[in-house]
N, C-alpha and C. Protein backbone atom coordinates (compact mmCIF):
# COMPACT_ATOMS: atom_id res chain seq x y z
N MET A 1 54.73 46.19 -52.47
CA MET A 1 53.24 47.04 -51.94
C MET A 1 54.29 46.16 -50.32
N GLU A 2 54.43 47.36 -49.66
CA GLU A 2 54.99 46.47 -48.29
C GLU A 2 53.49 46.39 -47.14
N ASN A 3 52.60 46.92 -47.43
CA ASN A 3 51.46 47.13 -46.72
C ASN A 3 50.22 47.20 -47.36
N PRO A 4 49.49 46.11 -48.26
CA PRO A 4 48.44 46.22 -49.02
C PRO A 4 47.36 46.26 -48.27
N PRO A 5 46.28 47.21 -48.97
CA PRO A 5 45.05 47.42 -48.15
C PRO A 5 44.66 46.05 -48.04
N ARG A 6 43.85 46.48 -46.66
CA ARG A 6 43.30 45.26 -45.99
C ARG A 6 41.63 45.75 -46.14
N ARG A 7 41.18 44.68 -46.54
CA ARG A 7 39.59 44.48 -47.39
C ARG A 7 38.61 43.83 -46.49
N THR A 8 39.13 43.02 -44.94
CA THR A 8 38.48 42.32 -45.04
C THR A 8 38.41 43.09 -43.23
N VAL A 9 37.25 43.39 -42.66
CA VAL A 9 37.01 44.04 -41.50
C VAL A 9 36.98 43.20 -40.24
N ILE A 10 36.96 43.47 -39.18
CA ILE A 10 36.90 42.28 -38.22
C ILE A 10 36.33 42.92 -37.49
N ILE A 11 34.87 42.29 -37.12
CA ILE A 11 33.96 42.83 -36.06
C ILE A 11 33.82 41.42 -35.11
N LYS A 12 33.99 42.07 -33.54
CA LYS A 12 33.51 41.11 -33.07
C LYS A 12 32.36 41.01 -32.76
N LEU A 13 31.75 39.75 -32.26
CA LEU A 13 29.95 39.60 -31.78
C LEU A 13 30.33 39.57 -30.53
N ASP A 14 28.96 39.95 -29.95
CA ASP A 14 28.57 40.01 -28.45
C ASP A 14 27.87 38.71 -28.08
N VAL A 15 28.01 37.85 -27.72
CA VAL A 15 27.34 36.31 -28.30
C VAL A 15 26.82 36.64 -26.62
N SER A 16 25.80 36.20 -26.55
CA SER A 16 25.45 35.28 -25.39
C SER A 16 26.18 33.77 -24.99
N SER A 17 26.17 33.47 -23.59
CA SER A 17 26.63 32.46 -23.74
C SER A 17 25.60 30.86 -24.29
N ASP A 18 24.40 31.18 -23.90
CA ASP A 18 23.68 30.80 -24.28
C ASP A 18 23.25 30.23 -25.76
N ASP A 19 23.62 31.63 -26.47
CA ASP A 19 23.92 31.13 -28.02
C ASP A 19 25.29 30.84 -29.07
N ALA A 20 26.20 30.77 -28.06
CA ALA A 20 27.61 30.18 -28.10
C ALA A 20 27.55 28.95 -28.74
N GLU A 21 27.37 27.70 -28.55
CA GLU A 21 26.97 26.84 -28.73
C GLU A 21 26.62 26.00 -30.20
N ALA A 22 25.35 27.35 -30.17
CA ALA A 22 24.88 27.43 -31.63
C ALA A 22 25.49 27.90 -32.93
N LEU A 23 25.91 29.14 -32.26
CA LEU A 23 26.77 29.65 -33.52
C LEU A 23 28.27 28.80 -33.43
N HIS A 24 28.45 27.89 -32.76
CA HIS A 24 29.65 27.30 -33.25
C HIS A 24 29.35 25.97 -33.91
N GLN A 25 27.98 25.25 -34.09
CA GLN A 25 27.29 24.62 -34.65
C GLN A 25 26.99 24.83 -36.56
N THR A 26 26.75 26.51 -36.05
CA THR A 26 26.54 27.12 -37.47
C THR A 26 28.03 26.96 -38.50
N LYS A 27 29.44 27.45 -37.02
CA LYS A 27 30.46 27.47 -38.48
C LYS A 27 30.81 26.24 -38.80
N ASP A 28 30.56 25.12 -38.14
CA ASP A 28 31.05 23.63 -38.21
C ASP A 28 30.33 23.23 -39.53
N GLN A 29 28.89 23.46 -39.55
CA GLN A 29 27.98 23.05 -40.72
C GLN A 29 28.78 23.80 -41.36
N PHE A 30 29.18 24.78 -41.71
CA PHE A 30 29.51 25.96 -42.99
C PHE A 30 30.43 25.36 -43.38
N LEU A 31 31.53 24.81 -42.36
CA LEU A 31 32.67 24.35 -42.95
C LEU A 31 32.68 23.11 -43.62
N ALA A 32 31.83 21.84 -43.51
CA ALA A 32 31.51 20.98 -43.44
C ALA A 32 31.23 20.53 -45.17
N CYS A 33 29.76 21.77 -45.26
CA CYS A 33 29.23 22.30 -46.41
C CYS A 33 30.21 22.83 -47.53
N ALA A 34 31.42 23.74 -46.62
CA ALA A 34 32.10 24.10 -48.06
C ALA A 34 33.11 23.15 -48.48
N ASN A 35 33.84 22.37 -47.56
CA ASN A 35 34.52 21.43 -47.77
C ASN A 35 33.99 20.39 -48.69
N ARG A 36 32.51 20.04 -48.50
CA ARG A 36 31.84 18.99 -50.09
C ARG A 36 31.18 19.59 -50.60
N THR A 37 31.64 20.57 -51.06
CA THR A 37 31.35 22.02 -52.14
C THR A 37 33.07 21.51 -52.77
N SER A 38 33.72 21.71 -52.43
CA SER A 38 34.99 21.69 -52.73
C SER A 38 35.73 20.85 -53.61
N ASP A 39 35.18 19.93 -52.62
CA ASP A 39 35.45 18.54 -53.00
C ASP A 39 34.84 18.05 -54.25
N TRP A 40 33.40 18.39 -54.45
CA TRP A 40 32.53 18.14 -55.75
C TRP A 40 33.25 18.81 -57.03
N ALA A 41 33.86 20.25 -56.72
CA ALA A 41 34.27 21.06 -57.87
C ALA A 41 35.86 20.55 -58.23
N TRP A 42 36.05 20.04 -56.99
CA TRP A 42 37.63 19.54 -57.79
C TRP A 42 37.91 17.87 -58.06
N ARG A 43 36.20 17.15 -58.60
CA ARG A 43 36.36 16.03 -58.58
C ARG A 43 37.06 15.90 -59.95
N ARG A 44 36.88 16.79 -60.98
CA ARG A 44 37.72 16.19 -62.14
C ARG A 44 38.72 17.63 -62.40
N ASP A 45 39.52 17.49 -61.48
CA ASP A 45 40.94 18.37 -61.42
C ASP A 45 41.65 18.72 -62.62
N GLU A 46 41.50 17.84 -63.72
CA GLU A 46 41.74 18.35 -65.46
C GLU A 46 41.09 19.14 -65.72
N TYR A 47 40.41 19.62 -65.54
CA TYR A 47 39.06 20.49 -66.37
C TYR A 47 39.37 21.94 -65.11
N CYS A 48 39.74 21.97 -64.14
CA CYS A 48 40.63 23.41 -63.38
C CYS A 48 41.74 23.87 -63.74
N ILE A 49 41.49 25.63 -63.66
CA ILE A 49 42.44 26.26 -64.45
C ILE A 49 42.83 26.81 -62.70
N THR A 50 44.32 26.52 -62.35
CA THR A 50 44.57 27.02 -61.52
C THR A 50 45.94 28.21 -61.03
N SER A 51 46.57 28.29 -63.09
CA SER A 51 47.28 29.01 -62.69
C SER A 51 46.86 30.28 -63.57
N LYS A 52 46.71 31.63 -63.01
CA LYS A 52 46.56 32.97 -63.66
C LYS A 52 47.05 33.17 -64.61
N ASN A 53 47.70 32.95 -65.10
CA ASN A 53 48.78 33.12 -66.58
C ASN A 53 47.34 32.45 -67.56
N LYS A 54 47.40 30.99 -67.32
CA LYS A 54 46.13 30.45 -67.83
C LYS A 54 44.51 30.94 -68.29
N ALA A 55 44.36 31.55 -67.09
CA ALA A 55 42.85 32.12 -66.39
C ALA A 55 42.07 33.28 -67.26
């Protein structure tokens, strides 16, 4: 398929300059939590199935 359908919609946020810093802090906190969760989930990788054929 040359052009697969896109399922993500990009929406620009109109954020005031006062709120921009809070938005960036929220993003940084989310990424830190996501990375910590990923590290915890992959701590015993022998139980993780990464092959679509085996899943």
